[in-house]
Amino acid sequence: MTNWREMKLYIGFDDALDGALLGALAPHVEARMPEIMEAFYERILANEGTRSVLRTEAETERLKLTQAQWLRELLAGPWDDDYFARRRRVGEVHVRVGLAERYMFMSMNVMRRLVCQVARESLELAEPTCDAVVRITDLDLAAMTSAYLVAQQDRRLADLRDLLIENLPVTVLLLDAEGVVVSATRADTRLFGAREATGLSYRDYLPQELIEAADLPTALGRAVGEGSTVTLSQVDLGTGSEARHFRFTLVPLDHGSVRLLLHLEELTEAVRPRIELERVESLARIGALAANVAHEIRNPLAAISTTLQVIGASLPSDDRRGPVLAKVQQQVVRLDRLVTDLLGFARPPVLRLVTADCRGIAREALAESGVQATLAGPPEGGMLRTDPHLVKQVLVNLLQNARDASGPHGTVELHTAPGVFDVSDDGPGVDPEVVQRLFEPFVTTKAKGTGLGLAISRKLAESLGGELQVVPTRTGATFRLTLPCAGRASPSGSGAGSA
């Protein structure tokens, strides 16, 4: 059973009985057709919503003819599946011209009353005829509004499709034979900026450095020339922690003006953990190697140092070889310090947790560092459950770095608050380009530094459940050691601005 037959059965429309009543009414309606059309369109034009669909007077006159033909078919039939299809197409036209669904019901009500008025003025069986008019106009409405339902479903599907495309974590470009973007998904503004892709060449749309990194023109030429999909598995943009990673898939097409689909997917979030794991494993291997080398070097260094001391002690005070031996001894001490740093970096820290006072730890670190520095902050330092020896090791390194940065006439300050230690200096500050790598092993701003001090300090801070970071300041540099502490307060006295 078709939908149309089911609807007729449900509403009680009988082709024979209702058809006879409508057929008897048809000549009376035809005789008054101009009058009916004038009255109908007078009501239509009186409403702002329906009037907006009729653009010109000529269009209104044309629609009067179309409406009259519709009314003739309504009364004459046959009311078969073809009739239903024609009524559905009427609804599709209304959807296309932008007539809101509610106006169809309102207009049908007007037409129904006009036709029933003719029936009441012309026929003895006026009420049964009007009942037949109501049934057939209800069927017409059902057929026409079904087009609105389909259009609404199509709109919802289109909205859902657009929503999916808008939020895809990939970029898809459709290119014509000249490489111009015909269509595109929403762009990643971090990569492409806030601009429309359509109408631009892919060379003007994609970042030049990404095009060069992928050698995209060659890949595009190969995809189109060979007629096969080309995949560039990983294209890297930038270096270090700021690097971004992408995958290109180029699919040749032959659809209208479209010749190529360019699929660009960012892999950074997927690749970065793997790169970080490889970096950690590499550092672990370097650390193990450094520890082995350090152990092998330490014993010979101790022997050399002892020998130099013996030789130096046996020489007269005015012997010209004395200064030479002293310089050699200084280099031995520097190598021994490097060995100590290597071992400190490679060796996992052993924690000995006790309850200690922040202020007390700061005073001991100042004394051990040998640095002339100001101790600032509230006198109530706050209590920590930590390893004071490791905390002092970090602070001593930071204090000595601050002294070296500020020079012999500079100032160094150690500011404490519960769970927070700020070491500040008035030196030249830290180059912004270096800040991101400052805590990496073997990165140093000193002419003779090992590049391990800050790496070891951060490692110790993290082992204590804390954090070591550079704090932006207007002048100089501030390094902040933060440790877990109940009732931690925000530190005061530190500058703000750019490092």
Protein backbone atom coordinates (compact mmCIF):
# COMPACT_ATOMS: atom_id res chain seq x y z
CA MET A 1 0.00 0.00 0.00
CA THR A 2 1.40 3.40 -0.99
CA ASN A 3 1.59 6.30 1.44
CA TRP A 4 -1.05 8.12 -0.60
CA ARG A 5 -3.58 5.28 -0.40
CA GLU A 6 -2.92 4.91 3.32
CA MET A 7 -3.52 8.65 3.84
CA LYS A 8 -6.82 8.52 1.87
CA LEU A 9 -8.05 5.56 3.90
CA TYR A 10 -7.07 7.20 7.16
CA ILE A 11 -8.84 10.48 6.37
CA GLY A 12 -11.88 8.71 4.85
CA PHE A 13 -11.66 10.09 1.32
CA ASP A 14 -13.67 8.03 -1.15
CA ASP A 15 -12.82 8.57 -4.81
CA ALA A 16 -16.35 7.74 -5.95
CA LEU A 17 -18.52 9.48 -3.32
CA ASP A 18 -16.27 12.46 -2.62
CA GLY A 19 -15.30 12.64 -6.26
CA ALA A 20 -18.98 12.99 -7.28
CA LEU A 21 -19.53 15.82 -4.80
CA LEU A 22 -16.37 17.66 -5.93
CA GLY A 23 -17.26 17.10 -9.59
CA ALA A 24 -20.69 18.67 -9.04
CA LEU A 25 -19.01 21.67 -7.42
CA ALA A 26 -16.38 22.13 -10.17
CA PRO A 27 -18.50 24.06 -12.76
CA HIS A 28 -19.74 26.51 -10.12
CA VAL A 29 -16.17 27.18 -9.00
CA GLU A 30 -15.01 27.55 -12.60
CA ALA A 31 -17.70 30.16 -13.22
CA ARG A 32 -16.40 32.22 -10.30
CA MET A 33 -12.71 31.44 -10.75
CA PRO A 34 -11.54 35.05 -11.36
CA GLU A 35 -13.46 36.19 -8.30
CA ILE A 36 -11.96 33.41 -6.16
CA MET A 37 -8.42 34.16 -7.34
CA GLU A 38 -8.79 37.89 -6.68
CA ALA A 39 -10.08 37.24 -3.16
CA PHE A 40 -7.38 34.67 -2.46
CA TYR A 41 -4.47 36.88 -3.57
CA GLU A 42 -5.93 39.90 -1.85
CA ARG A 43 -5.54 37.97 1.41
CA ILE A 44 -2.08 36.74 0.38
CA LEU A 45 -0.81 40.23 -0.40
CA ALA A 46 -2.22 41.58 2.85
CA ASN A 47 0.23 39.41 4.83
CA GLU A 48 3.84 40.59 5.02
CA GLY A 49 5.25 37.08 5.18
CA THR A 50 3.52 35.74 2.08
CA ARG A 51 3.79 39.08 0.24
CA SER A 52 7.60 38.95 0.52
CA VAL A 53 7.65 35.82 -1.67
CA LEU A 54 5.82 37.59 -4.53
CA ARG A 55 8.36 39.93 -6.06
CA THR A 56 6.44 41.54 -8.95
CA GLU A 57 2.87 42.09 -10.14
CA ALA A 58 3.58 40.00 -13.23
CA GLU A 59 4.65 37.11 -11.02
CA THR A 60 1.41 37.43 -9.04
CA GLU A 61 -0.66 37.27 -12.25
CA ARG A 62 1.27 34.18 -13.37
CA LEU A 63 0.66 32.53 -10.00
CA LYS A 64 -3.07 33.21 -10.30
CA LEU A 65 -3.13 31.06 -13.43
CA THR A 66 -1.12 28.32 -11.72
CA GLN A 67 -3.36 28.46 -8.65
CA ALA A 68 -6.49 28.21 -10.82
CA GLN A 69 -5.12 25.08 -12.51
CA TRP A 70 -4.33 23.61 -9.09
CA LEU A 71 -7.91 24.22 -7.95
CA ARG A 72 -9.35 22.59 -11.11
CA GLU A 73 -7.24 19.47 -10.48
CA LEU A 74 -8.30 19.49 -6.82
CA LEU A 75 -11.96 19.21 -7.83
CA ALA A 76 -11.62 17.04 -10.94
CA GLY A 77 -9.09 14.39 -9.91
CA PRO A 78 -8.21 11.65 -10.53
CA TRP A 79 -6.78 11.45 -7.02
CA ASP A 80 -4.18 8.75 -7.75
CA ASP A 81 -0.45 8.37 -7.12
CA ASP A 82 0.38 10.77 -9.95
CA TYR A 83 -1.86 13.36 -8.26
CA PHE A 84 0.10 12.86 -5.02
CA ALA A 85 3.42 13.27 -6.89
CA ARG A 86 2.23 16.54 -8.48
CA ARG A 87 1.13 17.90 -5.08
CA ARG A 88 4.45 16.95 -3.56
CA ARG A 89 6.24 18.87 -6.32
CA VAL A 90 4.12 21.92 -5.43
CA GLY A 91 5.48 21.64 -1.88
CA GLU A 92 9.03 21.37 -3.24
CA VAL A 93 8.49 24.60 -5.22
CA HIS A 94 7.29 26.33 -2.05
CA VAL A 95 10.40 25.11 -0.22
CA ARG A 96 12.60 26.38 -3.05
CA VAL A 97 11.06 29.88 -3.15
CA GLY A 98 11.32 30.18 0.65
CA LEU A 99 7.64 30.11 1.61
CA ALA A 100 7.42 29.17 5.29
CA GLU A 101 5.43 26.01 6.04
CA ARG A 102 2.89 27.84 8.23
CA TYR A 103 1.79 29.98 5.29
CA MET A 104 0.70 26.86 3.39
CA PHE A 105 -1.78 26.04 6.17
CA MET A 106 -3.00 29.63 6.33
CA SER A 107 -3.40 29.87 2.54
CA MET A 108 -5.18 26.51 2.37
CA ASN A 109 -7.61 27.69 5.01
CA VAL A 110 -8.41 30.78 2.93
CA MET A 111 -8.90 28.73 -0.24
CA ARG A 112 -11.07 26.17 1.57
CA ARG A 113 -13.43 28.85 2.91
CA LEU A 114 -13.73 30.52 -0.51
CA VAL A 115 -14.62 27.21 -2.21
CA CYS A 116 -17.06 26.21 0.54
CA GLN A 117 -18.73 29.61 0.22
CA VAL A 118 -19.39 28.82 -3.48
CA ALA A 119 -20.77 25.41 -2.46
CA ARG A 120 -23.15 26.92 0.07
CA GLU A 121 -24.38 29.51 -2.43
CA SER A 122 -24.77 27.05 -5.35
CA LEU A 123 -25.54 23.48 -4.14
CA GLU A 124 -28.24 21.73 -2.13
CA LEU A 125 -25.68 19.24 -0.74
CA ALA A 126 -23.48 22.07 0.44
CA GLU A 127 -22.34 20.57 3.77
CA PRO A 128 -21.42 17.10 2.43
CA THR A 129 -19.62 18.88 -0.41
CA CYS A 130 -17.72 21.09 2.05
CA ASP A 131 -16.76 17.95 4.01
CA ALA A 132 -15.31 16.51 0.78
CA VAL A 133 -13.47 19.79 0.16
CA VAL A 134 -11.99 19.60 3.68
CA ARG A 135 -10.84 16.00 3.16
CA ILE A 136 -9.15 16.64 -0.20
CA THR A 137 -7.49 19.87 0.93
CA ASP A 138 -6.17 18.07 4.03
CA LEU A 139 -4.72 15.40 1.73
CA ASP A 140 -3.15 18.13 -0.43
CA LEU A 141 -1.61 19.72 2.65
CA ALA A 142 -0.21 16.37 3.77
CA ALA A 143 1.34 15.77 0.33
CA MET A 144 2.83 19.27 0.09
CA THR A 145 4.15 19.44 3.66
CA SER A 146 5.90 16.09 3.21
CA ALA A 147 8.29 18.04 0.96
CA TYR A 148 8.96 20.37 3.89
CA LEU A 149 9.71 17.39 6.14
CA VAL A 150 12.20 16.01 3.63
CA ALA A 151 13.75 19.47 3.18
CA GLN A 152 14.00 19.87 6.97
CA GLN A 153 15.71 16.48 7.27
CA ASP A 154 18.06 17.43 4.44
CA ARG A 155 18.87 20.71 6.21
CA ARG A 156 19.56 18.92 9.47
CA LEU A 157 21.80 16.43 7.69
CA ALA A 158 23.56 19.30 5.93
CA ASP A 159 23.99 21.14 9.24
CA LEU A 160 25.37 17.97 10.83
CA ARG A 161 27.69 17.45 7.88
CA ASP A 162 28.90 21.05 8.12
CA LEU A 163 29.35 20.67 11.87
CA LEU A 164 31.43 17.52 11.37
CA ILE A 165 33.51 19.16 8.67
CA GLU A 166 33.98 22.33 10.71
CA ASN A 167 35.33 20.34 13.65
CA LEU A 168 37.42 17.78 11.81
CA PRO A 169 40.97 17.78 13.20
CA VAL A 170 42.23 17.73 9.62
CA THR A 171 42.32 20.09 6.65
CA VAL A 172 40.95 18.97 3.29
CA LEU A 173 41.46 21.06 0.15
CA LEU A 174 39.93 20.34 -3.25
CA LEU A 175 42.17 21.70 -6.01
CA ASP A 176 41.50 22.34 -9.68
CA ALA A 177 43.96 21.67 -12.49
CA GLU A 178 45.79 24.95 -11.74
CA GLY A 179 46.19 24.20 -8.03
CA VAL A 180 43.47 26.69 -6.99
CA VAL A 181 41.40 25.77 -3.94
CA VAL A 182 37.83 25.03 -5.07
CA SER A 183 36.54 23.99 -1.64
CA ALA A 184 38.01 23.46 1.82
CA THR A 185 37.23 22.51 5.38
CA ARG A 186 37.69 25.08 8.12
CA ALA A 187 41.33 26.06 8.40
CA ASP A 188 43.53 25.56 11.46
CA THR A 189 44.14 29.23 12.29
CA ARG A 190 47.44 28.36 14.02
CA LEU A 191 48.74 27.21 10.65
CA PHE A 192 46.80 29.19 8.05
CA GLY A 193 45.63 32.28 9.92
CA ALA A 194 42.08 33.63 9.76
CA ARG A 195 41.43 33.65 6.02
CA GLU A 196 39.28 31.91 3.45
CA ALA A 197 40.90 29.25 1.30
CA THR A 198 38.53 29.24 -1.68
CA GLY A 199 39.92 31.03 -4.72
CA LEU A 200 43.54 30.96 -3.52
CA SER A 201 46.29 28.86 -4.99
CA TYR A 202 47.49 26.23 -2.55
CA ARG A 203 50.88 28.01 -2.75
CA ASP A 204 49.29 31.16 -1.31
CA TYR A 205 47.20 29.28 1.23
CA LEU A 206 49.60 26.79 2.77
CA PRO A 207 52.63 28.14 4.67
CA GLN A 208 55.65 28.35 2.39
CA GLU A 209 57.87 26.53 4.87
CA LEU A 210 55.40 23.62 4.97
CA ILE A 211 55.27 23.45 1.16
CA GLU A 212 59.08 23.36 1.04
CA ALA A 213 59.40 20.82 3.86
CA ALA A 214 57.02 18.46 2.03
CA ASP A 215 58.34 19.30 -1.47
CA LEU A 216 54.64 19.56 -2.24
CA PRO A 217 54.82 20.59 -5.93
CA THR A 218 56.73 17.39 -6.73
CA ALA A 219 54.29 15.25 -4.74
CA LEU A 220 51.27 16.91 -6.41
CA GLY A 221 52.77 16.39 -9.85
CA ARG A 222 53.40 12.72 -9.07
CA ALA A 223 49.85 12.15 -7.79
CA VAL A 224 48.26 13.75 -10.86
CA GLY A 225 50.77 12.33 -13.34
CA GLU A 226 50.58 8.75 -12.05
CA GLY A 227 46.89 8.93 -11.19
CA SER A 228 47.55 7.30 -7.83
CA THR A 229 47.40 8.32 -4.18
CA VAL A 230 50.62 9.77 -2.72
CA THR A 231 51.19 9.82 1.04
CA LEU A 232 53.85 11.90 2.79
CA SER A 233 53.90 10.08 6.11
CA GLN A 234 55.59 12.71 8.27
CA VAL A 235 56.53 16.26 7.38
CA ASP A 236 58.27 18.19 10.15
CA LEU A 237 57.90 21.94 10.61
CA GLY A 238 60.25 23.60 13.10
CA THR A 239 62.63 21.97 15.56
CA GLY A 240 62.84 21.05 19.21
CA SER A 241 59.88 21.32 21.55
CA GLU A 242 58.15 23.77 19.17
CA ALA A 243 58.22 21.37 16.21
CA ARG A 244 54.95 20.41 14.51
CA HIS A 245 54.45 17.26 12.48
CA PHE A 246 52.05 16.66 9.58
CA ARG A 247 50.93 13.98 7.16
CA PHE A 248 49.83 14.74 3.59
CA THR A 249 47.60 12.46 1.51
CA LEU A 250 47.12 13.46 -2.13
CA VAL A 251 44.25 11.77 -3.99
CA PRO A 252 43.72 12.41 -7.73
CA LEU A 253 40.05 13.07 -8.67
CA ASP A 254 38.02 13.71 -11.81
CA HIS A 255 34.88 15.45 -10.59
CA GLY A 256 33.88 18.60 -12.44
CA SER A 257 36.66 21.14 -11.98
CA VAL A 258 38.24 19.22 -9.10
CA ARG A 259 41.43 17.36 -9.97
CA LEU A 260 43.00 16.65 -6.59
CA LEU A 261 42.05 16.15 -2.95
CA LEU A 262 44.74 17.33 -0.53
CA HIS A 263 44.29 15.87 2.95
CA LEU A 264 46.47 17.48 5.65
CA GLU A 265 46.51 16.00 9.14
CA GLU A 266 48.52 17.29 12.09
CA LEU A 267 50.32 14.51 13.98
CA THR A 268 52.03 16.68 16.58
CA GLU A 269 50.06 15.39 19.57
CA ALA A 270 50.63 11.80 18.47
CA VAL A 271 54.29 12.20 17.50
CA ARG A 272 55.42 14.40 20.41
CA PRO A 273 55.12 11.67 23.12
CA ARG A 274 57.14 9.29 20.97
CA ILE A 275 59.81 11.92 20.37
CA GLU A 276 59.85 12.78 24.07
CA LEU A 277 60.23 9.09 24.95
CA GLU A 278 63.10 8.76 22.48
CA ARG A 279 64.68 11.88 24.01
CA VAL A 280 64.36 10.49 27.53
CA GLU A 281 65.81 7.16 26.45
CA SER A 282 68.65 8.96 24.69
CA LEU A 283 69.38 11.05 27.79
CA ALA A 284 69.31 7.90 29.89
CA ARG A 285 71.88 6.29 27.60
CA ILE A 286 73.99 9.44 27.70
CA GLY A 287 73.71 9.49 31.48
CA ALA A 288 74.79 5.87 31.80
CA LEU A 289 77.70 6.46 29.44
CA ALA A 290 78.65 9.65 31.29
CA ALA A 291 78.62 7.79 34.61
CA ASN A 292 80.92 5.06 33.28
CA VAL A 293 83.29 7.61 31.75
CA ALA A 294 83.24 9.68 34.94
CA HIS A 295 84.19 6.68 37.07
CA GLU A 296 87.02 5.86 34.69
CA ILE A 297 88.30 9.45 34.78
CA ARG A 298 87.95 10.19 38.48
CA ASN A 299 90.71 7.85 39.74
CA PRO A 300 93.36 9.06 37.25
CA LEU A 301 92.38 12.66 38.03
CA ALA A 302 92.90 12.06 41.73
CA ALA A 303 96.33 10.58 41.01
CA ILE A 304 97.28 13.50 38.75
CA SER A 305 96.10 16.02 41.33
CA THR A 306 98.13 14.35 44.09
CA THR A 307 101.20 14.17 41.86
CA LEU A 308 100.91 17.85 40.98
CA GLN A 309 100.68 18.78 44.65
CA VAL A 310 103.77 16.73 45.49
CA ILE A 311 105.74 18.22 42.61
CA GLY A 312 104.58 21.73 43.45
CA ALA A 313 105.57 21.32 47.09
CA SER A 314 109.05 20.17 46.10
CA LEU A 315 109.76 23.23 43.95
CA PRO A 316 111.28 26.44 45.27
CA SER A 317 108.77 29.26 45.68
CA ASP A 318 110.43 31.26 42.90
CA ASP A 319 110.61 28.36 40.43
CA ARG A 320 109.19 29.43 37.08
CA ARG A 321 107.49 26.05 36.70
CA GLY A 322 105.23 26.77 39.67
CA PRO A 323 102.64 28.94 37.83
CA VAL A 324 102.47 26.36 35.04
CA LEU A 325 101.74 23.59 37.51
CA ALA A 326 99.11 25.79 39.19
CA LYS A 327 97.29 26.25 35.87
CA VAL A 328 97.41 22.50 35.28
CA GLN A 329 96.00 21.99 38.79
CA GLN A 330 93.14 24.39 37.99
CA GLN A 331 92.25 22.36 34.90
CA VAL A 332 92.31 19.16 36.94
CA VAL A 333 89.91 20.77 39.43
CA ARG A 334 87.63 21.85 36.56
CA LEU A 335 87.64 18.32 35.13
CA ASP A 336 86.89 16.92 38.58
CA ARG A 337 83.92 19.30 38.86
CA LEU A 338 82.69 18.14 35.45
CA VAL A 339 82.99 14.52 36.55
CA THR A 340 81.05 15.33 39.72
CA ASP A 341 78.30 16.99 37.65
CA LEU A 342 78.13 14.05 35.28
CA LEU A 343 77.74 11.65 38.15
CA GLY A 344 75.14 13.90 39.76
CA PHE A 345 73.13 14.00 36.55
CA ALA A 346 73.32 10.24 35.95
CA ARG A 347 72.74 9.12 39.53
CA PRO A 348 69.10 8.98 40.75
CA PRO A 349 68.69 11.08 43.90
CA VAL A 350 68.11 9.30 47.21
CA LEU A 351 65.56 11.16 49.33
CA ARG A 352 65.86 11.50 53.11
CA LEU A 353 62.69 13.30 54.08
CA VAL A 354 62.48 15.28 57.31
CA THR A 355 60.46 18.26 58.53
CA ALA A 356 62.42 21.44 57.94
CA ASP A 357 61.90 25.19 57.99
CA CYS A 358 62.09 27.07 54.67
CA ARG A 359 63.91 30.01 56.22
CA GLY A 360 66.46 27.76 57.92
CA ILE A 361 67.22 25.93 54.68
CA ALA A 362 67.71 29.29 52.95
CA ARG A 363 70.19 30.50 55.58
CA GLU A 364 72.25 27.30 55.34
CA ALA A 365 72.26 27.47 51.54
CA LEU A 366 73.55 31.06 51.67
CA ALA A 367 76.33 30.04 54.03
CA GLU A 368 77.37 27.05 51.92
CA SER A 369 77.24 28.95 48.61
CA GLY A 370 79.78 31.59 49.64
CA VAL A 371 77.62 34.18 47.82
CA GLN A 372 77.01 37.65 49.27
CA ALA A 373 73.21 37.77 48.93
CA THR A 374 70.24 39.36 50.66
CA LEU A 375 67.77 37.07 52.41
CA ALA A 376 64.24 38.48 51.99
CA GLY A 377 60.69 37.41 52.70
CA PRO A 378 58.50 36.92 55.76
CA PRO A 379 60.30 35.65 58.87
CA GLU A 380 57.85 32.75 59.15
CA GLY A 381 59.27 30.57 56.42
CA GLY A 382 56.80 27.71 56.71
CA MET A 383 57.51 24.03 57.28
CA LEU A 384 58.36 21.53 54.55
CA ARG A 385 58.45 17.75 54.50
CA THR A 386 61.46 17.44 52.25
CA ASP A 387 65.14 16.56 51.93
CA PRO A 388 66.97 19.71 53.11
CA HIS A 389 70.30 18.54 51.63
CA LEU A 390 68.85 18.31 48.10
CA VAL A 391 67.00 21.63 48.48
CA LYS A 392 70.25 23.31 49.58
CA GLN A 393 72.07 21.74 46.62
CA VAL A 394 69.58 23.36 44.23
CA LEU A 395 69.72 26.73 46.01
CA VAL A 396 73.53 26.77 46.16
CA ASN A 397 73.68 26.19 42.40
CA LEU A 398 71.13 28.94 41.75
CA LEU A 399 72.91 31.38 44.07
CA GLN A 400 76.30 30.78 42.46
CA ASN A 401 74.77 31.13 38.98
CA ALA A 402 73.20 34.44 40.08
CA ARG A 403 76.54 35.68 41.41
CA ASP A 404 78.29 34.76 38.15
CA ALA A 405 75.55 36.50 36.12
CA SER A 406 75.49 39.73 38.15
CA GLY A 407 79.27 40.11 38.34
CA PRO A 408 81.48 41.30 41.20
CA HIS A 409 79.48 44.49 41.79
CA GLY A 410 76.02 43.04 41.24
CA THR A 411 73.33 42.12 43.75
CA VAL A 412 71.76 38.76 44.49
CA GLU A 413 68.60 38.15 46.53
CA LEU A 414 67.12 34.95 47.97
CA HIS A 415 63.43 35.51 48.71
CA THR A 416 61.52 32.89 50.68
CA ALA A 417 57.85 32.18 51.29
CA PRO A 418 56.17 28.97 52.43
CA GLY A 419 57.26 26.37 49.88
CA VAL A 420 58.76 28.92 47.47
CA PHE A 421 62.37 30.10 46.97
CA ASP A 422 63.16 32.89 44.49
CA VAL A 423 66.80 33.56 43.55
CA SER A 424 67.14 36.89 41.69
CA ASP A 425 70.05 38.83 40.23
CA ASP A 426 70.52 42.13 38.41
CA GLY A 427 72.60 40.67 35.59
CA PRO A 428 71.85 40.79 31.84
CA GLY A 429 68.97 38.29 32.14
CA VAL A 430 68.28 35.20 30.05
CA ASP A 431 67.99 35.34 26.27
CA PRO A 432 64.35 34.44 25.38
CA GLU A 433 65.67 32.08 22.71
CA VAL A 434 67.56 30.13 25.38
CA VAL A 435 64.82 30.00 28.03
CA GLN A 436 63.04 27.02 26.47
CA ARG A 437 66.24 24.93 26.47
CA LEU A 438 67.87 26.29 29.62
CA PHE A 439 67.17 23.19 31.72
CA GLU A 440 68.34 20.72 29.08
CA PRO A 441 71.65 18.90 29.72
CA PHE A 442 74.80 20.55 28.32
CA VAL A 443 73.03 23.87 27.61
CA THR A 444 74.85 26.77 29.29
CA THR A 445 75.23 30.53 28.97
CA LYS A 446 78.63 30.48 30.72
CA ALA A 447 81.89 30.47 28.82
CA LYS A 448 83.27 27.63 30.96
CA GLY A 449 80.08 26.04 32.28
CA THR A 450 79.36 22.32 32.06
CA GLY A 451 75.72 22.85 31.13
CA LEU A 452 74.59 20.35 33.77
CA GLY A 453 73.94 22.51 36.84
CA LEU A 454 70.41 23.58 35.97
CA ALA A 455 69.54 20.19 34.50
CA ILE A 456 70.58 18.55 37.78
CA SER A 457 68.73 21.19 39.80
CA ARG A 458 65.48 20.65 37.92
CA LYS A 459 65.89 16.89 38.26
CA LEU A 460 66.30 17.28 42.03
CA ALA A 461 63.32 19.66 42.24
CA GLU A 462 61.10 17.19 40.42
CA SER A 463 62.28 14.31 42.61
CA LEU A 464 61.13 16.39 45.60
CA GLY A 465 57.69 16.80 44.01
CA GLY A 466 58.42 20.42 43.12
CA GLU A 467 59.24 22.58 40.12
CA LEU A 468 62.11 24.78 38.99
CA GLN A 469 61.41 27.50 36.46
CA VAL A 470 62.50 30.88 35.14
CA VAL A 471 60.19 33.70 36.27
CA PRO A 472 59.80 36.70 33.91
CA THR A 473 61.32 39.88 35.41
CA ARG A 474 61.91 43.42 34.15
CA THR A 475 65.65 43.23 34.77
CA GLY A 476 68.08 40.44 35.53
CA ALA A 477 66.78 36.93 36.07
CA THR A 478 64.74 35.10 38.71
CA PHE A 479 64.71 31.36 39.20
CA ARG A 480 61.89 29.96 41.32
CA LEU A 481 62.00 26.68 43.22
CA THR A 482 58.52 25.61 44.30
CA LEU A 483 58.05 22.71 46.72
CA PRO A 484 54.86 21.13 48.06
CA CYS A 485 53.97 22.79 51.34
CA ALA A 486 50.74 23.03 53.33
CA GLY A 487 49.45 26.59 53.46
CA ARG A 488 51.73 27.81 50.67
CA ALA A 489 51.59 31.56 50.09
CA SER A 490 52.34 33.44 46.90
CA PRO A 491 55.82 34.93 46.93
CA SER A 492 56.22 38.69 47.03
CA GLY A 493 59.03 41.00 46.12
CA SER A 494 59.78 39.44 42.71
CA GLY A 495 59.70 41.63 39.63
CA ALA A 496 57.27 41.23 36.76
CA GLY A 497 57.71 41.76 33.07
CA SER A 498 59.81 40.02 30.46
CA ALA A 499 63.01 38.16 31.06
